[in-house]
N, C-alpha and C. Protein backbone atom coordinates (compact mmCIF):
# COMPACT_ATOMS: atom_id res chain seq x y z
N MET A 1 2.76 -2.96 -23.10
CA MET A 1 3.36 -1.30 -23.66
C MET A 1 4.06 -1.32 -22.11
N SER A 2 5.14 -0.25 -21.89
CA SER A 2 5.71 0.04 -21.00
C SER A 2 5.32 0.97 -20.77
N THR A 3 5.00 1.58 -19.09
CA THR A 3 5.12 2.61 -18.71
C THR A 3 6.86 3.25 -18.88
N PRO A 4 6.90 4.67 -19.55
CA PRO A 4 7.84 5.40 -18.92
C PRO A 4 8.74 5.09 -17.73
N PRO A 5 9.76 5.72 -17.26
CA PRO A 5 10.24 5.89 -15.71
C PRO A 5 9.48 6.89 -15.96
N GLY A 6 9.06 7.27 -14.10
CA GLY A 6 8.26 8.64 -13.79
C GLY A 6 7.12 8.57 -14.04
N GLU A 7 6.81 8.22 -14.14
CA GLU A 7 5.63 7.57 -14.70
C GLU A 7 4.20 6.74 -13.90
N TYR A 8 4.93 6.35 -13.64
CA TYR A 8 3.93 5.39 -13.30
C TYR A 8 3.07 5.61 -11.70
N TYR A 9 3.18 7.06 -11.59
CA TYR A 9 2.55 7.66 -10.35
C TYR A 9 2.93 8.95 -10.41
N THR A 10 2.25 9.93 -10.38
CA THR A 10 2.94 11.22 -10.16
C THR A 10 1.92 11.59 -9.20
N GLU A 11 2.62 13.32 -8.85
CA GLU A 11 2.13 14.00 -7.60
C GLU A 11 1.10 14.17 -8.09
N GLU A 12 0.78 15.11 -9.49
CA GLU A 12 -0.56 15.46 -9.56
C GLU A 12 -1.88 14.56 -9.54
N ARG A 13 -1.50 12.77 -9.54
CA ARG A 13 -2.69 12.08 -9.60
C ARG A 13 -3.31 11.32 -8.45
N TRP A 14 -1.86 11.54 -7.11
CA TRP A 14 -1.90 11.76 -5.76
C TRP A 14 -3.14 13.55 -5.19
N GLN A 15 -2.41 14.31 -5.94
CA GLN A 15 -2.94 15.44 -4.80
C GLN A 15 -4.65 15.71 -6.08
N ASN A 16 -4.87 14.97 -7.11
CA ASN A 16 -5.94 14.96 -7.82
C ASN A 16 -7.48 13.90 -6.86
N TRP A 17 -6.80 13.45 -6.18
CA TRP A 17 -7.76 11.96 -5.32
C TRP A 17 -7.84 13.26 -3.50
N LEU A 18 -6.58 13.98 -3.37
CA LEU A 18 -6.26 14.76 -2.13
C LEU A 18 -7.86 15.24 -2.08
N ASP A 19 -7.62 16.43 -3.34
CA ASP A 19 -8.68 17.35 -3.68
C ASP A 19 -10.04 16.59 -3.19
N ARG A 20 -10.38 15.60 -3.58
CA ARG A 20 -11.76 15.62 -3.70
C ARG A 20 -11.71 14.47 -2.43
N ILE A 21 -11.31 13.78 -1.75
CA ILE A 21 -11.47 13.67 -0.37
C ILE A 21 -11.68 14.79 -0.02
N ASP A 22 -10.85 16.20 0.32
CA ASP A 22 -11.60 17.51 1.13
C ASP A 22 -12.72 17.93 0.42
N GLU A 23 -12.92 17.80 -0.38
CA GLU A 23 -14.14 18.72 -0.85
C GLU A 23 -15.19 18.05 -0.52
N GLU A 24 -15.00 16.26 -0.58
CA GLU A 24 -16.30 15.92 0.28
C GLU A 24 -15.87 15.50 1.62
N ASP A 25 -17.06 15.95 1.78
CA ASP A 25 -17.19 15.31 3.34
C ASP A 25 -17.21 13.95 4.12
N VAL A 26 -15.96 13.57 3.99
CA VAL A 26 -15.82 12.69 4.17
C VAL A 26 -16.11 11.89 5.12
N ASP A 27 -16.56 10.94 5.57
CA ASP A 27 -17.58 10.11 6.31
C ASP A 27 -16.86 8.77 6.83
N PRO A 28 -16.13 8.11 7.46
CA PRO A 28 -15.59 6.75 7.46
C PRO A 28 -16.63 5.80 7.29
N GLU A 29 -17.90 6.05 8.08
CA GLU A 29 -19.28 5.24 8.24
C GLU A 29 -19.68 5.57 6.93
N ASP A 30 -20.22 6.21 5.59
CA ASP A 30 -20.71 6.08 4.74
C ASP A 30 -19.58 5.20 3.85
N GLU A 31 -20.29 4.24 3.07
CA GLU A 31 -19.85 3.88 2.27
C GLU A 31 -19.25 4.46 0.78
N ASP A 32 -20.14 5.30 0.47
CA ASP A 32 -19.43 6.42 -0.70
C ASP A 32 -18.03 6.84 -0.28
N SER A 33 -17.53 7.39 1.40
CA SER A 33 -16.71 7.94 1.73
C SER A 33 -15.02 6.90 1.45
N ALA A 34 -15.61 5.79 2.04
CA ALA A 34 -15.55 4.75 2.59
C ALA A 34 -13.94 4.11 1.39
N ARG A 35 -15.05 4.18 0.20
CA ARG A 35 -14.94 3.60 -1.01
C ARG A 35 -13.71 4.73 -1.84
N LEU A 36 -14.11 6.09 -1.36
CA LEU A 36 -13.01 6.83 -1.25
C LEU A 36 -11.58 7.05 -1.26
N LEU A 37 -11.51 6.82 0.08
CA LEU A 37 -10.46 6.25 1.03
C LEU A 37 -10.22 4.93 0.48
N LEU A 38 -10.62 3.91 0.05
CA LEU A 38 -9.66 2.80 -0.11
C LEU A 38 -9.56 2.68 -1.59
N ASN A 39 -10.38 3.31 -2.85
CA ASN A 39 -9.35 3.92 -4.21
C ASN A 39 -8.30 5.04 -4.05
N LEU A 40 -8.04 5.42 -3.33
CA LEU A 40 -6.99 6.12 -3.09
C LEU A 40 -5.53 5.18 -2.42
N GLN A 41 -6.30 4.15 -1.61
CA GLN A 41 -4.96 3.38 -1.42
C GLN A 41 -5.08 2.54 -2.59
N ASP A 42 -6.39 1.70 -3.08
CA ASP A 42 -5.87 0.87 -4.66
C ASP A 42 -4.59 1.80 -5.16
N ASP A 43 -4.70 3.08 -5.71
CA ASP A 43 -4.48 3.47 -7.48
C ASP A 43 -3.45 3.31 -6.64
N ALA A 44 -2.94 4.14 -5.19
CA ALA A 44 -1.36 3.88 -4.69
C ALA A 44 -0.55 2.67 -5.16
N ALA A 45 -1.45 1.54 -4.86
CA ALA A 45 -0.31 0.61 -4.66
C ALA A 45 -0.37 -0.29 -6.32
N ILE A 46 -2.01 -0.10 -7.05
CA ILE A 46 -1.80 -0.19 -8.23
C ILE A 46 -0.33 -0.01 -9.21
N ALA A 47 0.23 1.40 -8.98
CA ALA A 47 1.50 2.09 -9.75
C ALA A 47 2.16 1.23 -8.59
N VAL A 48 2.95 0.37 -7.41
CA VAL A 48 3.22 -0.47 -6.53
C VAL A 48 3.67 -1.39 -7.37
N ALA A 49 2.60 -2.66 -8.06
CA ALA A 49 1.88 -3.51 -8.91
C ALA A 49 2.87 -3.37 -10.29
N LYS A 50 2.05 -2.32 -10.87
CA LYS A 50 3.04 -2.01 -12.06
C LYS A 50 4.22 -2.24 -12.02
N ILE A 51 5.07 -1.01 -11.22
CA ILE A 51 7.25 -1.04 -11.06
C ILE A 51 7.24 -2.59 -11.11
N ILE A 52 6.47 -3.54 -9.76
CA ILE A 52 7.15 -4.55 -9.62
C ILE A 52 6.29 -5.50 -10.49
N THR A 53 5.52 -5.50 -11.78
CA THR A 53 5.43 -6.13 -12.46
C THR A 53 6.14 -5.75 -13.58
N ASP A 54 7.23 -4.61 -13.39
CA ASP A 54 8.09 -4.63 -15.02
C ASP A 54 9.21 -5.14 -14.74
N TYR A 55 9.74 -4.81 -13.61
CA TYR A 55 10.94 -5.53 -12.92
C TYR A 55 10.83 -7.42 -12.77
N GLU A 56 10.09 -7.63 -12.96
CA GLU A 56 9.75 -9.31 -12.88
C GLU A 56 10.21 -9.58 -14.76
N ASP A 57 9.43 -8.55 -15.29
CA ASP A 57 9.85 -8.78 -16.81
C ASP A 57 11.03 -7.83 -17.36
N ASP A 58 11.84 -8.03 -17.15
CA ASP A 58 12.70 -7.25 -17.39
C ASP A 58 12.91 -6.02 -17.71
N THR A 59 11.75 -4.96 -18.05
CA THR A 59 11.35 -3.74 -18.17
C THR A 59 12.49 -3.46 -17.86
N LEU A 60 12.60 -2.65 -16.18
CA LEU A 60 13.28 -2.19 -15.17
C LEU A 60 14.46 -3.17 -14.70
N ASP A 61 15.39 -2.09 -14.22
CA ASP A 61 16.93 -3.10 -13.25
C ASP A 61 15.91 -3.10 -11.93
N GLU A 62 16.84 -3.61 -11.33
CA GLU A 62 17.20 -3.79 -9.91
C GLU A 62 17.07 -2.22 -9.34
N GLU A 63 18.08 -1.39 -9.58
CA GLU A 63 18.02 0.52 -9.21
C GLU A 63 17.57 0.94 -9.72
N THR A 64 16.88 0.91 -11.56
CA THR A 64 15.59 1.52 -11.86
C THR A 64 14.03 1.29 -10.62
N THR A 65 14.03 0.05 -10.76
CA THR A 65 12.68 -0.04 -9.55
C THR A 65 12.61 0.12 -8.77
N LEU A 66 14.03 -0.03 -7.57
CA LEU A 66 14.33 0.94 -6.86
C LEU A 66 13.69 2.37 -6.08
N ASP A 67 14.50 3.12 -7.71
CA ASP A 67 14.24 4.25 -7.80
C ASP A 67 12.92 4.75 -7.91
N GLU A 68 12.34 3.93 -8.43
CA GLU A 68 10.74 4.35 -9.51
C GLU A 68 10.33 4.38 -8.06
N LEU A 69 10.51 2.89 -7.19
CA LEU A 69 9.19 2.97 -6.02
C LEU A 69 9.63 4.31 -4.61
N ALA A 70 10.72 4.31 -4.67
CA ALA A 70 11.25 5.59 -4.00
C ALA A 70 10.38 6.87 -4.06
N GLY A 71 11.00 7.05 -5.77
CA GLY A 71 9.98 8.00 -6.24
C GLY A 71 8.13 7.88 -5.56
N VAL A 72 7.69 7.19 -6.02
CA VAL A 72 6.28 7.19 -5.33
C VAL A 72 5.81 7.21 -3.80
N ARG A 73 6.60 6.56 -2.93
CA ARG A 73 6.33 6.41 -2.05
C ARG A 73 6.81 7.93 -1.58
N SER A 74 7.64 8.83 -2.27
CA SER A 74 7.47 10.07 -1.67
C SER A 74 6.47 10.78 -1.90
N ILE A 75 6.14 10.70 -3.18
CA ILE A 75 4.65 10.95 -3.34
C ILE A 75 3.85 10.86 -2.14
N VAL A 76 3.46 9.89 -2.24
CA VAL A 76 2.74 9.42 -1.15
C VAL A 76 2.58 9.58 -0.07
N LEU A 77 3.64 9.89 1.21
CA LEU A 77 3.78 9.77 2.32
C LEU A 77 3.88 11.18 2.61
N ASP A 78 4.82 11.59 1.84
CA ASP A 78 4.62 13.56 2.24
C ASP A 78 3.45 14.21 3.52
N ASP A 79 3.99 14.55 3.48
CA ASP A 79 3.39 15.80 4.65
C ASP A 79 1.98 16.53 3.47
N ILE A 80 0.62 15.82 4.76
CA ILE A 80 -0.29 16.87 3.95
C ILE A 80 -1.18 18.23 3.85
N ASP A 81 -1.45 18.83 3.44
CA ASP A 81 -1.57 19.56 3.83
C ASP A 81 -3.00 20.10 3.41
N ILE A 82 -4.11 19.63 4.98
CA ILE A 82 -5.70 19.73 4.75
C ILE A 82 -6.20 19.99 5.62
N ASP A 83 -6.71 21.40 6.03
CA ASP A 83 -7.21 21.64 7.74
C ASP A 83 -8.21 21.09 8.39
N ASP A 84 -9.00 19.95 7.49
CA ASP A 84 -10.41 19.62 7.81
C ASP A 84 -8.64 18.62 8.95
N GLU A 85 -9.08 18.24 10.20
CA GLU A 85 -8.36 17.32 11.47
C GLU A 85 -8.91 15.71 10.91
N GLU A 86 -9.96 15.59 10.99
CA GLU A 86 -10.63 14.18 10.74
C GLU A 86 -10.05 13.36 9.83
N THR A 87 -10.34 14.21 8.51
CA THR A 87 -9.84 13.98 6.73
C THR A 87 -8.26 13.47 7.16
N LEU A 88 -7.83 14.60 7.62
CA LEU A 88 -6.16 14.67 7.85
C LEU A 88 -6.22 13.23 8.67
N MET A 89 -6.63 12.46 9.37
CA MET A 89 -5.86 11.19 9.99
C MET A 89 -6.54 10.42 9.41
N LEU A 90 -8.17 10.18 8.49
CA LEU A 90 -8.11 9.38 7.57
C LEU A 90 -7.11 8.95 6.35
N ILE A 91 -7.05 10.13 6.00
CA ILE A 91 -5.39 9.86 4.64
C ILE A 91 -4.69 9.11 5.34
N ASP A 92 -4.11 9.75 6.90
CA ASP A 92 -3.10 8.84 7.73
C ASP A 92 -3.25 7.87 7.19
N GLY A 93 -4.57 7.08 7.87
CA GLY A 93 -4.63 5.64 7.71
C GLY A 93 -4.26 5.10 6.43
N VAL A 94 -4.53 5.81 5.41
CA VAL A 94 -3.77 4.90 4.46
C VAL A 94 -2.80 5.21 4.10
N GLN A 95 -1.86 6.43 4.37
CA GLN A 95 -0.70 6.39 4.57
C GLN A 95 -0.07 5.64 5.27
N THR A 96 -0.47 5.22 6.57
CA THR A 96 0.22 3.82 7.14
C THR A 96 -0.15 2.76 6.69
N SER A 97 -1.34 1.83 6.20
CA SER A 97 -1.27 1.24 5.29
C SER A 97 -0.99 0.97 4.56
N LEU A 98 -0.34 2.18 3.28
CA LEU A 98 1.27 1.79 2.32
C LEU A 98 1.84 2.10 2.79
N LEU A 99 2.94 2.57 4.33
CA LEU A 99 3.59 2.17 4.27
C LEU A 99 4.36 0.88 4.13
N CYS A 100 3.98 -0.02 4.41
CA CYS A 100 4.17 -2.01 3.61
C CYS A 100 4.04 -1.81 2.98
N VAL A 101 2.76 -1.35 2.03
CA VAL A 101 3.55 -1.57 0.70
C VAL A 101 4.73 -1.57 -0.17
N PHE A 102 5.31 -0.67 0.60
CA PHE A 102 6.45 0.40 -0.56
C PHE A 102 7.40 -0.80 0.23
N TYR A 103 7.88 -0.95 1.19
CA TYR A 103 8.36 -1.06 2.08
C TYR A 103 8.85 -3.13 1.43
N ALA A 104 7.50 -3.65 1.54
CA ALA A 104 7.27 -5.32 0.71
C ALA A 104 7.59 -4.96 -0.71
N ALA A 105 7.47 -4.18 -1.44
CA ALA A 105 7.86 -4.07 -2.76
C ALA A 105 9.28 -3.25 -1.97
N GLU A 106 9.65 -2.85 -2.22
CA GLU A 106 11.70 -2.49 -2.25
C GLU A 106 11.96 -3.79 -1.14
N GLU A 107 12.02 -4.58 -0.43
CA GLU A 107 12.10 -5.47 0.12
C GLU A 107 12.06 -7.61 -1.59
N TYR A 108 10.96 -6.40 -1.78
CA TYR A 108 11.21 -8.09 -2.76
C TYR A 108 12.09 -8.01 -3.47
N VAL A 109 12.04 -6.89 -4.58
CA VAL A 109 13.16 -6.40 -4.94
C VAL A 109 14.39 -6.66 -4.65
N ALA A 110 14.76 -5.72 -3.29
CA ALA A 110 16.69 -6.12 -2.56
C ALA A 110 16.88 -6.63 -2.56
N GLU A 111 15.71 -8.26 -1.97
CA GLU A 111 16.38 -9.47 -0.84
C GLU A 111 15.75 -10.57 -1.16
N GLY A 112 14.10 -10.75 -2.33
CA GLY A 112 14.08 -11.40 -2.98
C GLY A 112 12.22 -12.10 -1.55
N VAL A 113 11.95 -13.31 -1.80
CA VAL A 113 11.14 -13.83 -1.04
C VAL A 113 11.48 -13.78 0.14
N ALA A 114 10.25 -13.57 1.02
CA ALA A 114 10.94 -14.43 2.48
C ALA A 114 10.49 -15.98 2.53
N ALA A 115 11.50 -16.60 2.84
CA ALA A 115 10.33 -18.00 3.19
C ALA A 115 11.38 -18.64 4.27
N ASP A 116 10.62 -18.05 5.64
CA ASP A 116 10.66 -18.69 6.26
C ASP A 116 9.53 -18.84 7.64
N ALA A 117 9.17 -18.65 6.19
CA ALA A 117 7.17 -18.71 7.27
C ALA A 117 6.03 -18.49 6.49
N THR A 118 5.08 -18.62 7.23
CA THR A 118 3.77 -18.23 6.00
C THR A 118 3.14 -17.32 5.67
N VAL A 119 2.47 -16.57 5.27
CA VAL A 119 1.66 -15.48 5.29
C VAL A 119 1.22 -15.37 6.32
N ALA A 120 0.81 -16.36 6.99
CA ALA A 120 -0.23 -16.13 8.69
C ALA A 120 0.87 -16.50 9.40
N ASP A 121 1.39 -16.70 9.25
CA ASP A 121 2.55 -17.48 10.07
C ASP A 121 3.29 -15.65 11.03
N TYR A 122 3.56 -14.99 9.37
CA TYR A 122 4.65 -13.65 9.76
C TYR A 122 3.59 -12.83 10.51
N ILE A 123 2.07 -12.88 10.18
CA ILE A 123 0.97 -11.59 10.70
C ILE A 123 0.96 -11.89 11.59
N GLU A 124 0.77 -13.40 12.14
CA GLU A 124 0.52 -14.02 13.70
C GLU A 124 1.81 -12.93 14.71
N ALA A 125 2.99 -12.63 13.64
CA ALA A 125 4.03 -12.75 14.43
C ALA A 125 4.96 -11.18 14.39
N ALA A 126 3.54 -10.72 13.83
CA ALA A 126 3.92 -9.09 13.97
C ALA A 126 2.78 -8.19 14.60
N ALA A 127 1.69 -9.22 14.83
CA ALA A 127 0.57 -9.21 15.91
C ALA A 127 1.26 -8.93 17.38
N ASP A 128 2.12 -10.26 17.30
CA ASP A 128 2.49 -10.32 18.59
C ASP A 128 3.71 -9.53 18.95
N ALA A 129 3.91 -9.27 17.64
CA ALA A 129 4.90 -8.09 17.97
C ALA A 129 4.54 -6.98 18.52
N GLU A 130 3.50 -6.52 17.78
CA GLU A 130 2.98 -5.21 18.52
C GLU A 130 2.15 -5.04 19.82
N ALA A 131 1.93 -6.14 19.94
CA ALA A 131 1.59 -6.52 21.71
C ALA A 131 2.58 -6.43 22.56
N GLU A 132 4.06 -6.47 21.76
CA GLU A 132 4.80 -6.47 22.52
C GLU A 132 6.25 -5.18 22.40
N GLU A 133 4.70 -3.85 21.57
CA GLU A 133 5.39 -2.87 21.48
C GLU A 133 6.86 -2.88 20.94
N ASP A 134 7.19 -3.88 20.33
CA ASP A 134 8.07 -4.12 19.32
C ASP A 134 7.43 -3.00 17.97
N LEU A 135 7.11 -2.63 17.31
CA LEU A 135 6.69 -1.51 16.66
C LEU A 135 7.75 -1.90 14.73
N ASP A 136 9.20 -2.49 15.40
CA ASP A 136 10.22 -2.48 13.75
C ASP A 136 9.58 -3.90 13.58
N ALA A 137 9.84 -4.40 14.89
CA ALA A 137 9.74 -6.04 14.31
C ALA A 137 8.65 -6.21 13.89
N ALA A 138 7.14 -5.38 14.44
CA ALA A 138 6.22 -6.02 13.34
C ALA A 138 6.17 -5.82 12.55
N LEU A 139 6.56 -4.06 11.56
CA LEU A 139 6.74 -3.93 10.43
C LEU A 139 7.63 -5.13 10.32
N GLY A 140 8.69 -5.45 10.19
CA GLY A 140 9.51 -6.54 9.61
C GLY A 140 9.01 -7.47 9.39
N TYR A 141 8.01 -8.37 9.91
CA TYR A 141 6.91 -9.48 9.71
C TYR A 141 5.76 -9.18 9.20
N CYS A 142 5.65 -8.14 8.60
CA CYS A 142 3.84 -7.62 7.82
C CYS A 142 5.26 -7.45 6.38
N VAL A 143 6.28 -6.61 6.47
CA VAL A 143 6.81 -6.21 5.27
C VAL A 143 7.21 -7.52 4.68
N GLN A 144 7.55 -9.08 5.57
CA GLN A 144 7.95 -10.65 4.65
C GLN A 144 6.95 -11.13 3.85
N ALA A 145 5.96 -10.83 5.85
CA ALA A 145 4.27 -11.66 4.07
C ALA A 145 4.35 -10.20 3.25
N GLY A 146 4.71 -9.45 2.89
CA GLY A 146 4.25 -9.00 1.39
C GLY A 146 5.05 -8.73 0.17
N THR A 147 6.34 -9.57 0.30
CA THR A 147 7.22 -10.32 -0.28
C THR A 147 6.30 -11.63 -0.78
N GLN A 148 6.03 -12.10 0.06
CA GLN A 148 5.25 -13.20 -0.43
C GLN A 148 4.37 -12.94 -1.25
N ILE A 149 3.22 -11.81 -0.51
CA ILE A 149 1.87 -11.83 -1.79
C ILE A 149 2.32 -11.54 -3.08
N ILE A 150 3.81 -10.60 -2.98
CA ILE A 150 3.98 -9.94 -4.05
C ILE A 150 3.81 -11.04 -5.30
N ASP A 151 4.31 -11.80 -4.51
CA ASP A 151 5.77 -13.67 -5.19
C ASP A 151 3.87 -14.57 -5.45
N GLY A 152 2.50 -14.52 -4.70
CA GLY A 152 1.54 -14.84 -5.09
C GLY A 152 1.39 -15.29 -4.40
N GLU A 153 1.30 -15.50 -3.11
CA GLU A 153 0.95 -16.35 -2.09
C GLU A 153 -0.82 -15.52 -1.42
N ASP A 154 -1.65 -16.08 -1.19
CA ASP A 154 -2.96 -15.40 -0.68
C ASP A 154 -2.97 -14.46 1.20
N LEU A 155 -3.02 -13.89 0.85
CA LEU A 155 -3.50 -13.05 2.56
C LEU A 155 -4.67 -13.88 2.95
N PRO A 156 -4.83 -14.74 4.09
CA PRO A 156 -5.45 -14.94 4.62
C PRO A 156 -6.55 -14.30 5.46
N MET A 157 -7.86 -13.92 5.00
CA MET A 157 -8.63 -13.32 5.33
C MET A 157 -8.93 -13.35 6.88
N GLU A 158 -9.04 -15.03 7.13
CA GLU A 158 -9.42 -14.80 8.51
C GLU A 158 -8.50 -14.37 9.31
N VAL A 159 -7.11 -14.88 9.54
CA VAL A 159 -6.17 -14.07 10.45
C VAL A 159 -6.20 -12.31 10.41
N ALA A 160 -6.20 -11.49 9.08
CA ALA A 160 -5.72 -10.30 9.37
C ALA A 160 -7.98 -10.12 9.76
N GLU A 161 -9.18 -10.72 10.09
CA GLU A 161 -10.12 -10.33 10.83
C GLU A 161 -9.67 -10.54 12.24
N GLU A 162 -9.25 -11.48 12.52
CA GLU A 162 -8.17 -11.19 13.57
C GLU A 162 -8.01 -10.55 14.69
N LEU A 163 -7.42 -9.87 13.87
CA LEU A 163 -6.03 -8.58 14.66
C LEU A 163 -7.12 -7.84 15.13
N GLU A 164 -6.45 -7.41 16.06
CA GLU A 164 -6.82 -5.51 17.42
C GLU A 164 -6.80 -4.50 15.77
N TYR A 165 -7.39 -3.79 16.17
CA TYR A 165 -7.24 -2.29 15.21
C TYR A 165 -6.23 -2.12 15.56
N GLY A 166 -4.70 -1.12 15.18
CA GLY A 166 -3.73 -1.11 15.58
C GLY A 166 -2.46 -1.08 14.10
N LEU A 167 -1.70 -0.73 14.35
CA LEU A 167 -0.47 -0.72 13.16
C LEU A 167 -0.28 -1.94 12.27
N VAL A 168 -0.46 -2.66 13.06
CA VAL A 168 -0.37 -4.11 12.21
C VAL A 168 -1.60 -4.41 11.59
N SER A 169 -2.83 -4.10 11.79
CA SER A 169 -3.79 -4.30 10.85
C SER A 169 -4.40 -3.00 9.34
N GLU A 170 -3.67 -2.21 9.96
CA GLU A 170 -3.19 -1.06 8.86
C GLU A 170 -2.63 -1.52 7.81
N TRP A 171 -1.44 -2.01 8.72
CA TRP A 171 -0.12 -2.89 7.37
C TRP A 171 -1.40 -3.81 6.52
N VAL A 172 -1.15 -4.53 7.49
CA VAL A 172 -2.31 -5.78 6.37
C VAL A 172 -3.29 -5.13 5.57
N ASN A 173 -4.13 -4.37 5.72
CA ASN A 173 -5.07 -3.40 4.77
C ASN A 173 -4.22 -3.09 4.05
N GLY A 174 -3.22 -2.57 3.90
CA GLY A 174 -2.43 -2.08 2.57
C GLY A 174 -1.91 -3.71 1.84
N LEU A 175 -1.40 -4.04 2.76
CA LEU A 175 -1.53 -5.43 1.71
C LEU A 175 -2.50 -6.28 0.99
N ASP A 176 -3.64 -5.99 1.66
CA ASP A 176 -4.38 -6.68 0.90
C ASP A 176 -5.20 -6.07 -0.49
N SER A 177 -4.97 -4.41 -0.36
CA SER A 177 -4.63 -3.65 -1.38
C SER A 177 -3.88 -4.41 -2.62
N LEU A 178 -2.16 -4.61 -1.86
CA LEU A 178 -1.41 -4.86 -2.80
C LEU A 178 -1.78 -6.01 -3.07
N GLN A 179 -2.62 -7.01 -3.06
CA GLN A 179 -2.74 -8.38 -3.31
C GLN A 179 -3.63 -8.25 -4.32
N THR A 180 -4.32 -7.39 -4.32
CA THR A 180 -5.67 -6.83 -5.72
C THR A 180 -5.29 -6.32 -6.75
N ALA A 181 -3.62 -5.92 -6.36
CA ALA A 181 -3.94 -5.24 -7.30
C ALA A 181 -2.07 -5.69 -7.63
N MET A 182 -1.88 -7.04 -7.47
CA MET A 182 -0.84 -7.67 -8.32
C MET A 182 -2.36 -8.69 -8.56
N SER A 183 -2.79 -9.20 -8.78
CA SER A 183 -3.98 -9.64 -9.30
C SER A 183 -4.32 -9.22 -10.37
N ASP A 184 -4.62 -7.56 -9.98
CA ASP A 184 -5.91 -6.94 -11.41
C ASP A 184 -5.31 -5.46 -11.34
N PRO A 185 -3.81 -5.83 -11.85
CA PRO A 185 -3.32 -3.38 -11.68
C PRO A 185 -3.87 -3.12 -12.59
N GLU A 186 -5.76 -3.10 -12.93
CA GLU A 186 -5.82 -1.71 -13.21
C GLU A 186 -6.29 -1.23 -12.46
N VAL A 187 -6.14 0.24 -13.29
CA VAL A 187 -6.27 1.39 -13.19
C VAL A 187 -7.50 2.39 -12.14
N VAL A 188 -7.39 3.11 -11.04
CA VAL A 188 -8.57 3.31 -10.74
C VAL A 188 -9.25 4.20 -10.80
N GLU A 189 -9.92 4.39 -12.07
CA GLU A 189 -10.15 5.70 -13.05
C GLU A 189 -11.04 7.26 -12.10
N GLU A 190 -9.84 7.53 -11.77
CA GLU A 190 -11.49 9.08 -11.28
C GLU A 190 -12.22 9.45 -11.48
N GLU A 191 -12.86 9.53 -11.26
CA GLU A 191 -14.22 10.35 -11.94
C GLU A 191 -14.37 11.00 -12.13
N ASP A 192 -14.65 11.97 -13.52
CA ASP A 192 -14.98 12.97 -14.15
C ASP A 192 -15.77 13.83 -13.14
N GLU A 193 -14.90 14.64 -13.13
CA GLU A 193 -16.24 16.06 -12.67
C GLU A 193 -16.39 16.41 -13.31
N SER A 194 -18.33 16.41 -13.22
CA SER A 194 -19.43 16.85 -14.71
C SER A 194 -19.94 17.63 -13.79
C-alpha cells in the first residue's frame, strides 16, 4: 500500500511528539527520556525511509520525492516553541541529527550513491574536517556516507563510537536512525495517552 503524497509525515505528528516531551520532565540521563527523544528521531527517519522506498519502487518520481523530503524537513527543522531551555536543547540535538538524514536522502535521490570511499572513510574525513572547523565539508562527508547507508551499506559502529562529541557525532547518530529505518521502516507508535 503506498502512502499518498503529503501523508508521510505531518506537522500534527511532530507536534504530538513535542507535546509529550514538553509534558514529561525530560532528563537525558534517564532511560525513558532518552528513549522518547530517540523515538522522536527514529519516527522522522522512518518517514524519510518510506519516501526513499517509494522512490526506489517507482511509486514516486524524482521531483515528487524531493518535494516530499523537503516537506518533512520543513516540519522537523522548524523553530520550536518550548519554554524549557534544557528540553529545547535536547530537541535541537535531534534536529541536528536529522539534518544529515534529510540531506543524505536528497543527495541520494538527486545525485545517487557516493562511490569514492567507504562509509567509514567518509565519517573519518568528516571528523577530520570538523577538527579543522570546516563544517560544510564535514557535513558533506556525512551526507555522502548517508547515501551509501541508504543503498544498504552498514554504518560501522566502532568508527561512530570513536568520534568526539560534536556535530559529526550528532550527524552520525542521525545516520544510525536512518540505517535502522531503512532496514525496518515500521512506524514508532505514539503510546496512547490513557
